[in-house]
């Protein structure tokens, strides 16, 4: 059974940094893509960052230059390094594999709160 487990969230001040981790029960290469989504209070879920099996990355405009998605194949883990955090980054962050497919997987989410 495939499971994704996020960790690393917390409360930080604006300008601070956090690194989120997504531990995958199977090989990252079992999926075409891994990504991080977020959903703020009263907001729609949005894709923040994605990495495909060939290592290509994409980011939503609002986090470009501040967030970095990466992977550690040996540890079957995907990371989201978040720097220069802003209050508007406050949200529950979810790790997902192959979303919008018939074989999508989602983690339980981890809360990120950024104070001004």
PDB file of N, CA and C in Angstrom:
ATOM      1  N   UNK A   1       0.841  -1.174   0.000  1.00  0.00           N
ATOM      2  CA  UNK A   1       0.000   0.000   0.000  1.00  0.00           C
ATOM      3  C   UNK A   1       0.889   1.241   0.000  1.00  0.00           C
ATOM      4  N   UNK A   2       0.654   2.132  -0.935  1.00  0.00           N
ATOM      5  CA  UNK A   2       1.441   3.339  -1.055  1.00  0.00           C
ATOM      6  C   UNK A   2       0.976   4.358  -0.020  1.00  0.00           C
ATOM      7  N   UNK A   3       1.937   4.952   0.666  1.00  0.00           N
ATOM      8  CA  UNK A   3       1.643   6.010   1.620  1.00  0.00           C
ATOM      9  C   UNK A   3       2.630   7.159   1.439  1.00  0.00           C
ATOM     10  N   UNK A   4       2.123   8.379   1.581  1.00  0.00           N
ATOM     11  CA  UNK A   4       2.938   9.578   1.584  1.00  0.00           C
ATOM     12  C   UNK A   4       2.768  10.249   2.936  1.00  0.00           C
ATOM     13  N   UNK A   5       3.874  10.582   3.582  1.00  0.00           N
ATOM     14  CA  UNK A   5       3.825  11.177   4.909  1.00  0.00           C
ATOM     15  C   UNK A   5       4.624  12.466   4.902  1.00  0.00           C
ATOM     16  N   UNK A   6       3.937  13.590   5.145  1.00  0.00           N
ATOM     17  CA  UNK A   6       4.588  14.894   5.190  1.00  0.00           C
ATOM     18  C   UNK A   6       5.047  15.217   6.609  1.00  0.00           C
ATOM     19  N   UNK A   7       6.089  16.015   6.692  1.00  0.00           N
ATOM     20  CA  UNK A   7       6.556  16.513   7.970  1.00  0.00           C
ATOM     21  C   UNK A   7       7.323  17.807   7.737  1.00  0.00           C
ATOM     22  N   UNK A   8       7.596  18.530   8.804  1.00  0.00           N
ATOM     23  CA  UNK A   8       8.419  19.719   8.725  1.00  0.00           C
ATOM     24  C   UNK A   8       7.688  21.038   8.845  1.00  0.00           C
ATOM     25  N   UNK A   9       6.375  21.002   8.924  1.00  0.00           N
ATOM     26  CA  UNK A   9       5.619  22.233   9.066  1.00  0.00           C
ATOM     27  C   UNK A   9       5.803  22.845  10.442  1.00  0.00           C
ATOM     28  N   UNK A  10       5.326  24.069  10.587  1.00  0.00           N
ATOM     29  CA  UNK A  10       5.433  24.753  11.858  1.00  0.00           C
ATOM     30  C   UNK A  10       5.082  26.209  11.737  1.00  0.00           C
ATOM     31  N   UNK A  11       5.342  26.948  12.804  1.00  0.00           N
ATOM     32  CA  UNK A  11       5.086  28.378  12.867  1.00  0.00           C
ATOM     33  C   UNK A  11       6.405  29.127  12.778  1.00  0.00           C
ATOM     34  N   UNK A  12       6.498  30.032  11.811  1.00  0.00           N
ATOM     35  CA  UNK A  12       7.713  30.819  11.624  1.00  0.00           C
ATOM     36  C   UNK A  12       7.349  32.271  11.375  1.00  0.00           C
ATOM     37  N   UNK A  13       8.313  33.141  11.583  1.00  0.00           N
ATOM     38  CA  UNK A  13       8.133  34.556  11.284  1.00  0.00           C
ATOM     39  C   UNK A  13       8.379  34.823   9.811  1.00  0.00           C
ATOM     40  N   UNK A  14       7.759  35.880   9.303  1.00  0.00           N
ATOM     41  CA  UNK A  14       7.999  36.288   7.925  1.00  0.00           C
ATOM     42  C   UNK A  14       9.494  36.456   7.684  1.00  0.00           C
ATOM     43  N   UNK A  15       9.944  35.970   6.529  1.00  0.00           N
ATOM     44  CA  UNK A  15      11.353  36.004   6.196  1.00  0.00           C
ATOM     45  C   UNK A  15      12.101  34.752   6.590  1.00  0.00           C
ATOM     46  N   UNK A  16      11.478  33.896   7.370  1.00  0.00           N
ATOM     47  CA  UNK A  16      12.105  32.671   7.810  1.00  0.00           C
ATOM     48  C   UNK A  16      12.021  31.565   6.783  1.00  0.00           C
ATOM     49  N   UNK A  17      12.518  30.390   7.170  1.00  0.00           N
ATOM     50  CA  UNK A  17      12.586  29.249   6.266  1.00  0.00           C
ATOM     51  C   UNK A  17      12.066  27.989   6.933  1.00  0.00           C
ATOM     52  N   UNK A  18      11.554  27.088   6.117  1.00  0.00           N
ATOM     53  CA  UNK A  18      11.159  25.752   6.536  1.00  0.00           C
ATOM     54  C   UNK A  18      11.494  24.784   5.415  1.00  0.00           C
ATOM     55  N   UNK A  19      11.762  23.540   5.786  1.00  0.00           N
ATOM     56  CA  UNK A  19      11.916  22.483   4.803  1.00  0.00           C
ATOM     57  C   UNK A  19      10.899  21.396   5.084  1.00  0.00           C
ATOM     58  N   UNK A  20      10.004  21.181   4.138  1.00  0.00           N
ATOM     59  CA  UNK A  20       9.017  20.126   4.241  1.00  0.00           C
ATOM     60  C   UNK A  20       9.560  18.848   3.618  1.00  0.00           C
ATOM     61  N   UNK A  21       9.202  17.721   4.206  1.00  0.00           N
ATOM     62  CA  UNK A  21       9.615  16.427   3.695  1.00  0.00           C
ATOM     63  C   UNK A  21       8.398  15.578   3.388  1.00  0.00           C
ATOM     64  N   UNK A  22       8.485  14.796   2.343  1.00  0.00           N
ATOM     65  CA  UNK A  22       7.442  13.847   1.967  1.00  0.00           C
ATOM     66  C   UNK A  22       8.096  12.492   1.799  1.00  0.00           C
ATOM     67  N   UNK A  23       7.865  11.611   2.762  1.00  0.00           N
ATOM     68  CA  UNK A  23       8.416  10.265   2.715  1.00  0.00           C
ATOM     69  C   UNK A  23       7.455   9.350   1.969  1.00  0.00           C
ATOM     70  N   UNK A  24       7.956   8.673   0.968  1.00  0.00           N
ATOM     71  CA  UNK A  24       7.150   7.812   0.110  1.00  0.00           C
ATOM     72  C   UNK A  24       7.456   6.359   0.430  1.00  0.00           C
ATOM     73  N   UNK A  25       6.415   5.540   0.556  1.00  0.00           N
ATOM     74  CA  UNK A  25       6.609   4.144   0.931  1.00  0.00           C
ATOM     75  C   UNK A  25       7.257   3.323  -0.174  1.00  0.00           C
ATOM     76  N   UNK A  26       7.098   3.746  -1.417  1.00  0.00           N
ATOM     77  CA  UNK A  26       7.710   3.081  -2.552  1.00  0.00           C
ATOM     78  C   UNK A  26       8.709   3.986  -3.240  1.00  0.00           C
ATOM     79  N   UNK A  27       9.221   3.508  -4.358  1.00  0.00           N
ATOM     80  CA  UNK A  27      10.192   4.288  -5.117  1.00  0.00           C
ATOM     81  C   UNK A  27       9.543   5.521  -5.734  1.00  0.00           C
ATOM     82  N   UNK A  28      10.261   6.629  -5.677  1.00  0.00           N
ATOM     83  CA  UNK A  28       9.786   7.853  -6.317  1.00  0.00           C
ATOM     84  C   UNK A  28       9.591   7.637  -7.814  1.00  0.00           C
ATOM     85  N   UNK A  29      10.407   6.769  -8.398  1.00  0.00           N
ATOM     86  CA  UNK A  29      10.320   6.509  -9.836  1.00  0.00           C
ATOM     87  C   UNK A  29       9.117   5.649 -10.207  1.00  0.00           C
ATOM     88  N   UNK A  30       8.331   5.220  -9.227  1.00  0.00           N
ATOM     89  CA  UNK A  30       7.068   4.562  -9.523  1.00  0.00           C
ATOM     90  C   UNK A  30       6.041   5.545 -10.063  1.00  0.00           C
ATOM     91  N   UNK A  31       6.320   6.842  -9.909  1.00  0.00           N
ATOM     92  CA  UNK A  31       5.388   7.891 -10.298  1.00  0.00           C
ATOM     93  C   UNK A  31       5.972   8.774 -11.387  1.00  0.00           C
ATOM     94  N   UNK A  32       5.097   9.308 -12.208  1.00  0.00           N
ATOM     95  CA  UNK A  32       5.530  10.237 -13.247  1.00  0.00           C
ATOM     96  C   UNK A  32       5.869  11.601 -12.678  1.00  0.00           C
ATOM     97  N   UNK A  33       5.209  11.969 -11.583  1.00  0.00           N
ATOM     98  CA  UNK A  33       5.439  13.277 -10.993  1.00  0.00           C
ATOM     99  C   UNK A  33       5.149  13.251  -9.509  1.00  0.00           C
ATOM    100  N   UNK A  34       5.874  14.078  -8.775  1.00  0.00           N
ATOM    101  CA  UNK A  34       5.612  14.352  -7.376  1.00  0.00           C
ATOM    102  C   UNK A  34       5.416  15.845  -7.235  1.00  0.00           C
ATOM    103  N   UNK A  35       4.569  16.237  -6.308  1.00  0.00           N
ATOM    104  CA  UNK A  35       4.330  17.658  -6.161  1.00  0.00           C
ATOM    105  C   UNK A  35       3.866  18.052  -4.774  1.00  0.00           C
ATOM    106  N   UNK A  36       3.921  19.343  -4.544  1.00  0.00           N
ATOM    107  CA  UNK A  36       3.423  19.938  -3.311  1.00  0.00           C
ATOM    108  C   UNK A  36       2.257  20.864  -3.637  1.00  0.00           C
ATOM    109  N   UNK A  37       1.156  20.656  -2.958  1.00  0.00           N
ATOM    110  CA  UNK A  37      -0.007  21.514  -3.032  1.00  0.00           C
ATOM    111  C   UNK A  37      -0.169  22.248  -1.714  1.00  0.00           C
ATOM    112  N   UNK A  38      -0.946  23.310  -1.737  1.00  0.00           N
ATOM    113  CA  UNK A  38      -1.291  23.986  -0.497  1.00  0.00           C
ATOM    114  C   UNK A  38      -2.723  24.492  -0.571  1.00  0.00           C
ATOM    115  N   UNK A  39      -3.330  24.606   0.595  1.00  0.00           N
ATOM    116  CA  UNK A  39      -4.679  25.121   0.695  1.00  0.00           C
ATOM    117  C   UNK A  39      -4.784  25.989   1.939  1.00  0.00           C
ATOM    118  N   UNK A  40      -4.940  27.280   1.733  1.00  0.00           N
ATOM    119  CA  UNK A  40      -5.152  28.197   2.833  1.00  0.00           C
ATOM    120  C   UNK A  40      -6.599  28.200   3.262  1.00  0.00           C
ATOM    121  N   UNK A  41      -6.850  28.793   4.419  1.00  0.00           N
ATOM    122  CA  UNK A  41      -8.211  28.869   4.938  1.00  0.00           C
ATOM    123  C   UNK A  41      -9.103  29.625   3.958  1.00  0.00           C
ATOM    124  N   UNK A  42     -10.193  29.004   3.555  1.00  0.00           N
ATOM    125  CA  UNK A  42     -11.113  29.622   2.622  1.00  0.00           C
ATOM    126  C   UNK A  42     -10.595  29.737   1.198  1.00  0.00           C
ATOM    127  N   UNK A  43      -9.483  29.078   0.908  1.00  0.00           N
ATOM    128  CA  UNK A  43      -8.862  29.168  -0.403  1.00  0.00           C
ATOM    129  C   UNK A  43      -8.995  27.863  -1.168  1.00  0.00           C
ATOM    130  N   UNK A  44      -8.818  27.954  -2.472  1.00  0.00           N
ATOM    131  CA  UNK A  44      -8.777  26.765  -3.305  1.00  0.00           C
ATOM    132  C   UNK A  44      -7.403  26.112  -3.210  1.00  0.00           C
ATOM    133  N   UNK A  45      -7.379  24.813  -3.372  1.00  0.00           N
ATOM    134  CA  UNK A  45      -6.115  24.103  -3.405  1.00  0.00           C
ATOM    135  C   UNK A  45      -5.336  24.490  -4.658  1.00  0.00           C
ATOM    136  N   UNK A  46      -4.048  24.728  -4.512  1.00  0.00           N
ATOM    137  CA  UNK A  46      -3.225  25.064  -5.658  1.00  0.00           C
ATOM    138  C   UNK A  46      -1.938  24.254  -5.660  1.00  0.00           C
ATOM    139  N   UNK A  47      -1.477  23.954  -6.844  1.00  0.00           N
ATOM    140  CA  UNK A  47      -0.199  23.284  -7.023  1.00  0.00           C
ATOM    141  C   UNK A  47       0.907  24.314  -6.869  1.00  0.00           C
ATOM    142  N   UNK A  48       1.811  24.068  -5.935  1.00  0.00           N
ATOM    143  CA  UNK A  48       2.883  24.995  -5.636  1.00  0.00           C
ATOM    144  C   UNK A  48       4.149  24.658  -6.409  1.00  0.00           C
ATOM    145  N   UNK A  49       4.525  23.394  -6.399  1.00  0.00           N
ATOM    146  CA  UNK A  49       5.759  22.954  -7.032  1.00  0.00           C
ATOM    147  C   UNK A  49       5.626  21.507  -7.450  1.00  0.00           C
ATOM    148  N   UNK A  50       6.280  21.149  -8.539  1.00  0.00           N
ATOM    149  CA  UNK A  50       6.230  19.786  -9.036  1.00  0.00           C
ATOM    150  C   UNK A  50       7.582  19.376  -9.577  1.00  0.00           C
ATOM    151  N   UNK A  51       7.855  18.094  -9.490  1.00  0.00           N
ATOM    152  CA  UNK A  51       9.061  17.533 -10.070  1.00  0.00           C
ATOM    153  C   UNK A  51       8.676  16.246 -10.777  1.00  0.00           C
ATOM    154  N   UNK A  52       9.110  16.097 -12.016  1.00  0.00           N
ATOM    155  CA  UNK A  52       8.794  14.922 -12.809  1.00  0.00           C
ATOM    156  C   UNK A  52       9.902  13.893 -12.695  1.00  0.00           C
ATOM    157  N   UNK A  53       9.654  12.723 -13.246  1.00  0.00           N
ATOM    158  CA  UNK A  53      10.594  11.613 -13.093  1.00  0.00           C
ATOM    159  C   UNK A  53      11.954  11.902 -13.720  1.00  0.00           C
ATOM    160  N   UNK A  54      12.003  12.811 -14.693  1.00  0.00           N
ATOM    161  CA  UNK A  54      13.277  13.174 -15.304  1.00  0.00           C
ATOM    162  C   UNK A  54      13.981  14.310 -14.569  1.00  0.00           C
ATOM    163  N   UNK A  55      13.387  14.788 -13.472  1.00  0.00           N
ATOM    164  CA  UNK A  55      14.000  15.824 -12.670  1.00  0.00           C
ATOM    165  C   UNK A  55      13.595  17.236 -13.005  1.00  0.00           C
ATOM    166  N   UNK A  56      12.752  17.421 -13.994  1.00  0.00           N
ATOM    167  CA  UNK A  56      12.288  18.757 -14.345  1.00  0.00           C
ATOM    168  C   UNK A  56      11.391  19.309 -13.246  1.00  0.00           C
ATOM    169  N   UNK A  57      11.488  20.601 -12.998  1.00  0.00           N
ATOM    170  CA  UNK A  57      10.706  21.238 -11.943  1.00  0.00           C
ATOM    171  C   UNK A  57       9.887  22.393 -12.480  1.00  0.00           C
ATOM    172  N   UNK A  58       8.771  22.663 -11.812  1.00  0.00           N
ATOM    173  CA  UNK A  58       7.916  23.789 -12.138  1.00  0.00           C
ATOM    174  C   UNK A  58       7.351  24.363 -10.855  1.00  0.00           C
ATOM    175  N   UNK A  59       7.103  25.669 -10.862  1.00  0.00           N
ATOM    176  CA  UNK A  59       6.618  26.371  -9.689  1.00  0.00           C
ATOM    177  C   UNK A  59       5.527  27.354 -10.062  1.00  0.00           C
ATOM    178  N   UNK A  60       4.608  27.551  -9.133  1.00  0.00           N
ATOM    179  CA  UNK A  60       3.648  28.617  -9.301  1.00  0.00           C
ATOM    180  C   UNK A  60       4.396  29.951  -9.182  1.00  0.00           C
ATOM    181  N   UNK A  61       3.948  30.957  -9.932  1.00  0.00           N
ATOM    182  CA  UNK A  61       4.681  32.216 -10.007  1.00  0.00           C
ATOM    183  C   UNK A  61       4.957  32.834  -8.638  1.00  0.00           C
ATOM    184  N   UNK A  62       4.029  32.694  -7.718  1.00  0.00           N
ATOM    185  CA  UNK A  62       4.146  33.363  -6.433  1.00  0.00           C
ATOM    186  C   UNK A  62       5.290  32.845  -5.559  1.00  0.00           C
ATOM    187  N   UNK A  63       5.837  31.671  -5.879  1.00  0.00           N
ATOM    188  CA  UNK A  63       6.913  31.117  -5.059  1.00  0.00           C
ATOM    189  C   UNK A  63       8.228  31.002  -5.814  1.00  0.00           C
ATOM    190  N   UNK A  64       8.251  31.364  -7.075  1.00  0.00           N
ATOM    191  CA  UNK A  64       9.481  31.270  -7.857  1.00  0.00           C
ATOM    192  C   UNK A  64      10.577  32.122  -7.232  1.00  0.00           C
ATOM    193  N   UNK A  65      11.755  31.534  -7.110  1.00  0.00           N
ATOM    194  CA  UNK A  65      12.874  32.214  -6.494  1.00  0.00           C
ATOM    195  C   UNK A  65      12.934  32.062  -4.999  1.00  0.00           C
ATOM    196  N   UNK A  66      11.880  31.554  -4.384  1.00  0.00           N
ATOM    197  CA  UNK A  66      11.831  31.376  -2.939  1.00  0.00           C
ATOM    198  C   UNK A  66      11.756  29.911  -2.523  1.00  0.00           C
ATOM    199  N   UNK A  67      11.029  29.102  -3.286  1.00  0.00           N
ATOM    200  CA  UNK A  67      10.836  27.685  -2.957  1.00  0.00           C
ATOM    201  C   UNK A  67      11.622  26.819  -3.928  1.00  0.00           C
ATOM    202  N   UNK A  68      12.093  25.680  -3.430  1.00  0.00           N
ATOM    203  CA  UNK A  68      12.795  24.716  -4.254  1.00  0.00           C
ATOM    204  C   UNK A  68      12.304  23.314  -3.940  1.00  0.00           C
ATOM    205  N   UNK A  69      11.860  22.598  -4.962  1.00  0.00           N
ATOM    206  CA  UNK A  69      11.483  21.202  -4.792  1.00  0.00           C
ATOM    207  C   UNK A  69      12.664  20.339  -5.210  1.00  0.00           C
ATOM    208  N   UNK A  70      12.910  19.286  -4.460  1.00  0.00           N
ATOM    209  CA  UNK A  70      14.021  18.397  -4.754  1.00  0.00           C
ATOM    210  C   UNK A  70      13.668  16.988  -4.310  1.00  0.00           C
ATOM    211  N   UNK A  71      14.532  16.049  -4.637  1.00  0.00           N
ATOM    212  CA  UNK A  71      14.283  14.660  -4.289  1.00  0.00           C
ATOM    213  C   UNK A  71      15.560  13.974  -3.859  1.00  0.00           C
ATOM    214  N   UNK A  72      15.412  12.973  -3.017  1.00  0.00           N
ATOM    215  CA  UNK A  72      16.505  12.104  -2.612  1.00  0.00           C
ATOM    216  C   UNK A  72      16.055  10.693  -2.945  1.00  0.00           C
ATOM    217  N   UNK A  73      16.591  10.149  -4.022  1.00  0.00           N
ATOM    218  CA  UNK A  73      16.145   8.842  -4.505  1.00  0.00           C
ATOM    219  C   UNK A  73      16.416   7.751  -3.475  1.00  0.00           C
ATOM    220  N   UNK A  74      17.596   7.770  -2.870  1.00  0.00           N
ATOM    221  CA  UNK A  74      17.963   6.735  -1.912  1.00  0.00           C
ATOM    222  C   UNK A  74      17.022   6.704  -0.717  1.00  0.00           C
ATOM    223  N   UNK A  75      16.524   7.862  -0.322  1.00  0.00           N
ATOM    224  CA  UNK A  75      15.633   7.959   0.829  1.00  0.00           C
ATOM    225  C   UNK A  75      14.156   7.951   0.452  1.00  0.00           C
ATOM    226  N   UNK A  76      13.867   7.871  -0.846  1.00  0.00           N
ATOM    227  CA  UNK A  76      12.477   7.914  -1.322  1.00  0.00           C
ATOM    228  C   UNK A  76      11.723   9.091  -0.711  1.00  0.00           C
ATOM    229  N   UNK A  77      12.352  10.246  -0.779  1.00  0.00           N
ATOM    230  CA  UNK A  77      11.807  11.429  -0.137  1.00  0.00           C
ATOM    231  C   UNK A  77      11.848  12.618  -1.084  1.00  0.00           C
ATOM    232  N   UNK A  78      10.787  13.403  -1.063  1.00  0.00           N
ATOM    233  CA  UNK A  78      10.701  14.652  -1.803  1.00  0.00           C
ATOM    234  C   UNK A  78      10.662  15.794  -0.799  1.00  0.00           C
ATOM    235  N   UNK A  79      11.369  16.868  -1.104  1.00  0.00           N
ATOM    236  CA  UNK A  79      11.468  17.996  -0.196  1.00  0.00           C
ATOM    237  C   UNK A  79      10.911  19.257  -0.838  1.00  0.00           C
ATOM    238  N   UNK A  80      10.492  20.169   0.009  1.00  0.00           N
ATOM    239  CA  UNK A  80      10.160  21.516  -0.420  1.00  0.00           C
ATOM    240  C   UNK A  80      10.872  22.482   0.514  1.00  0.00           C
ATOM    241  N   UNK A  81      11.935  23.098   0.017  1.00  0.00           N
ATOM    242  CA  UNK A  81      12.647  24.107   0.773  1.00  0.00           C
ATOM    243  C   UNK A  81      11.960  25.438   0.553  1.00  0.00           C
ATOM    244  N   UNK A  82      11.520  26.065   1.622  1.00  0.00           N
ATOM    245  CA  UNK A  82      10.778  27.313   1.553  1.00  0.00           C
ATOM    246  C   UNK A  82      11.575  28.399   2.257  1.00  0.00           C
ATOM    247  N   UNK A  83      12.018  29.385   1.498  1.00  0.00           N
ATOM    248  CA  UNK A  83      12.780  30.504   2.031  1.00  0.00           C
ATOM    249  C   UNK A  83      11.992  31.793   1.862  1.00  0.00           C
ATOM    250  N   UNK A  84      12.407  32.811   2.601  1.00  0.00           N
ATOM    251  CA  UNK A  84      11.762  34.126   2.521  1.00  0.00           C
ATOM    252  C   UNK A  84      10.250  34.014   2.632  1.00  0.00           C
ATOM    253  N   UNK A  85       9.808  33.283   3.628  1.00  0.00           N
ATOM    254  CA  UNK A  85       8.380  33.012   3.785  1.00  0.00           C
ATOM    255  C   UNK A  85       7.594  34.285   4.053  1.00  0.00           C
ATOM    256  N   UNK A  86       6.395  34.310   3.510  1.00  0.00           N
ATOM    257  CA  UNK A  86       5.481  35.430   3.648  1.00  0.00           C
ATOM    258  C   UNK A  86       4.200  34.963   4.329  1.00  0.00           C
ATOM    259  N   UNK A  87       3.470  35.860   4.983  1.00  0.00           N
ATOM    260  CA  UNK A  87       2.207  35.455   5.608  1.00  0.00           C
ATOM    261  C   UNK A  87       1.254  34.766   4.638  1.00  0.00           C
ATOM    262  N   UNK A  88       1.251  35.173   3.384  1.00  0.00           N
ATOM    263  CA  UNK A  88       0.367  34.561   2.411  1.00  0.00           C
ATOM    264  C   UNK A  88       0.750  33.127   2.051  1.00  0.00           C
ATOM    265  N   UNK A  89       1.907  32.664   2.524  1.00  0.00           N
ATOM    266  CA  UNK A  89       2.283  31.264   2.357  1.00  0.00           C
ATOM    267  C   UNK A  89       1.608  30.360   3.380  1.00  0.00           C
ATOM    268  N   UNK A  90       0.943  30.949   4.361  1.00  0.00           N
ATOM    269  CA  UNK A  90       0.263  30.173   5.391  1.00  0.00           C
ATOM    270  C   UNK A  90      -0.788  29.268   4.759  1.00  0.00           C
ATOM    271  N   UNK A  91      -0.695  27.980   5.042  1.00  0.00           N
ATOM    272  CA  UNK A  91      -1.607  27.000   4.452  1.00  0.00           C
ATOM    273  C   UNK A  91      -1.266  25.622   4.988  1.00  0.00           C
ATOM    274  N   UNK A  92      -2.145  24.677   4.707  1.00  0.00           N
ATOM    275  CA  UNK A  92      -1.811  23.275   4.872  1.00  0.00           C
ATOM    276  C   UNK A  92      -1.170  22.809   3.576  1.00  0.00           C
ATOM    277  N   UNK A  93      -0.003  22.218   3.682  1.00  0.00           N
ATOM    278  CA  UNK A  93       0.737  21.755   2.520  1.00  0.00           C
ATOM    279  C   UNK A  93       0.608  20.241   2.397  1.00  0.00           C
ATOM    280  N   UNK A  94       0.284  19.793   1.196  1.00  0.00           N
ATOM    281  CA  UNK A  94       0.078  18.377   0.916  1.00  0.00           C
ATOM    282  C   UNK A  94       1.052  17.886  -0.138  1.00  0.00           C
ATOM    283  N   UNK A  95       1.604  16.730   0.091  1.00  0.00           N
ATOM    284  CA  UNK A  95       2.401  16.039  -0.906  1.00  0.00           C
ATOM    285  C   UNK A  95       1.484  15.148  -1.730  1.00  0.00           C
ATOM    286  N   UNK A  96       1.728  15.071  -3.023  1.00  0.00           N
ATOM    287  CA  UNK A  96       0.908  14.245  -3.887  1.00  0.00           C
ATOM    288  C   UNK A  96       1.758  13.578  -4.954  1.00  0.00           C
ATOM    289  N   UNK A  97       1.314  12.411  -5.374  1.00  0.00           N
ATOM    290  CA  UNK A  97       1.932  11.681  -6.466  1.00  0.00           C
ATOM    291  C   UNK A  97       0.904  11.436  -7.556  1.00  0.00           C
ATOM    292  N   UNK A  98       1.274  11.753  -8.776  1.00  0.00           N
ATOM    293  CA  UNK A  98       0.444  11.495  -9.958  1.00  0.00           C
ATOM    294  C   UNK A  98      -1.003  11.938  -9.771  1.00  0.00           C
ATOM    295  N   UNK A  99      -1.181  13.167  -9.316  1.00  0.00           N
ATOM    296  CA  UNK A  99      -2.499  13.756  -9.185  1.00  0.00           C
ATOM    297  C   UNK A  99      -3.156  13.861 -10.551  1.00  0.00           C
ATOM    298  N   UNK A 100      -4.477  13.957 -10.541  1.00  0.00           N
ATOM    299  CA  UNK A 100      -5.265  14.044 -11.770  1.00  0.00           C
ATOM    300  C   UNK A 100      -5.094  12.814 -12.648  1.00  0.00           C
ATOM    301  N   UNK A 101      -4.766  11.702 -12.042  1.00  0.00           N
ATOM    302  CA  UNK A 101      -4.728  10.413 -12.720  1.00  0.00           C
ATOM    303  C   UNK A 101      -5.578   9.425 -11.938  1.00  0.00           C
ATOM    304  N   UNK A 102      -5.713   8.235 -12.464  1.00  0.00           N
ATOM    305  CA  UNK A 102      -6.463   7.197 -11.764  1.00  0.00           C
ATOM    306  C   UNK A 102      -5.663   6.573 -10.623  1.00  0.00           C
ATOM    307  N   UNK A 103      -4.395   6.921 -10.524  1.00  0.00           N
ATOM    308  CA  UNK A 103      -3.530   6.364  -9.493  1.00  0.00           C
ATOM    309  C   UNK A 103      -2.880   7.459  -8.661  1.00  0.00           C
ATOM    310  N   UNK A 104      -3.693   8.408  -8.218  1.00  0.00           N
ATOM    311  CA  UNK A 104      -3.189   9.515  -7.421  1.00  0.00           C
ATOM    312  C   UNK A 104      -3.075   9.126  -5.953  1.00  0.00           C
ATOM    313  N   UNK A 105      -2.101   9.733  -5.284  1.00  0.00           N
ATOM    314  CA  UNK A 105      -1.889   9.514  -3.864  1.00  0.00           C
ATOM    315  C   UNK A 105      -1.653  10.848  -3.188  1.00  0.00           C
ATOM    316  N   UNK A 106      -2.105  10.953  -1.938  1.00  0.00           N
ATOM    317  CA  UNK A 106      -2.007  12.186  -1.173  1.00  0.00           C
ATOM    318  C   UNK A 106      -1.565  11.912   0.250  1.00  0.00           C
ATOM    319  N   UNK A 107      -0.757  12.806   0.787  1.00  0.00           N
ATOM    320  CA  UNK A 107      -0.385  12.735   2.182  1.00  0.00           C
ATOM    321  C   UNK A 107      -1.438  13.381   3.056  1.00  0.00           C
ATOM    322  N   UNK A 108      -1.205  13.359   4.354  1.00  0.00           N
ATOM    323  CA  UNK A 108      -2.182  13.868   5.318  1.00  0.00           C
ATOM    324  C   UNK A 108      -2.113  15.378   5.491  1.00  0.00           C
ATOM    325  N   UNK A 109      -1.048  15.990   5.043  1.00  0.00           N
ATOM    326  CA  UNK A 109      -0.882  17.424   5.141  1.00  0.00           C
ATOM    327  C   UNK A 109      -0.075  17.842   6.352  1.00  0.00           C
ATOM    328  N   UNK A 110       0.605  18.965   6.218  1.00  0.00           N
ATOM    329  CA  UNK A 110       1.345  19.552   7.327  1.00  0.00           C
ATOM    330  C   UNK A 110       1.107  21.058   7.320  1.00  0.00           C
ATOM    331  N   UNK A 111       0.851  21.619   8.492  1.00  0.00           N
ATOM    332  CA  UNK A 111       0.483  23.027   8.616  1.00  0.00           C
ATOM    333  C   UNK A 111       1.714  23.919   8.607  1.00  0.00           C
ATOM    334  N   UNK A 112       1.659  24.945   7.780  1.00  0.00           N
ATOM    335  CA  UNK A 112       2.673  25.993   7.767  1.00  0.00           C
ATOM    336  C   UNK A 112       1.985  27.303   8.100  1.00  0.00           C
ATOM    337  N   UNK A 113       2.458  27.979   9.126  1.00  0.00           N
ATOM    338  CA  UNK A 113       1.910  29.270   9.524  1.00  0.00           C
ATOM    339  C   UNK A 113       3.034  30.288   9.580  1.00  0.00           C
ATOM    340  N   UNK A 114       2.846  31.407   8.898  1.00  0.00           N
ATOM    341  CA  UNK A 114       3.858  32.456   8.825  1.00  0.00           C
ATOM    342  C   UNK A 114       3.278  33.726   9.421  1.00  0.00           C
ATOM    343  N   UNK A 115       3.892  34.216  10.465  1.00  0.00           N
ATOM    344  CA  UNK A 115       3.419  35.412  11.140  1.00  0.00           C
ATOM    345  C   UNK A 115       4.138  36.646  10.611  1.00  0.00           C
ATOM    346  N   UNK A 116       3.448  37.775  10.616  1.00  0.00           N
ATOM    347  CA  UNK A 116       4.013  39.024  10.135  1.00  0.00           C
ATOM    348  C   UNK A 116       4.738  39.766  11.233  1.00  0.00           C
TER     349      UNK A 116
END
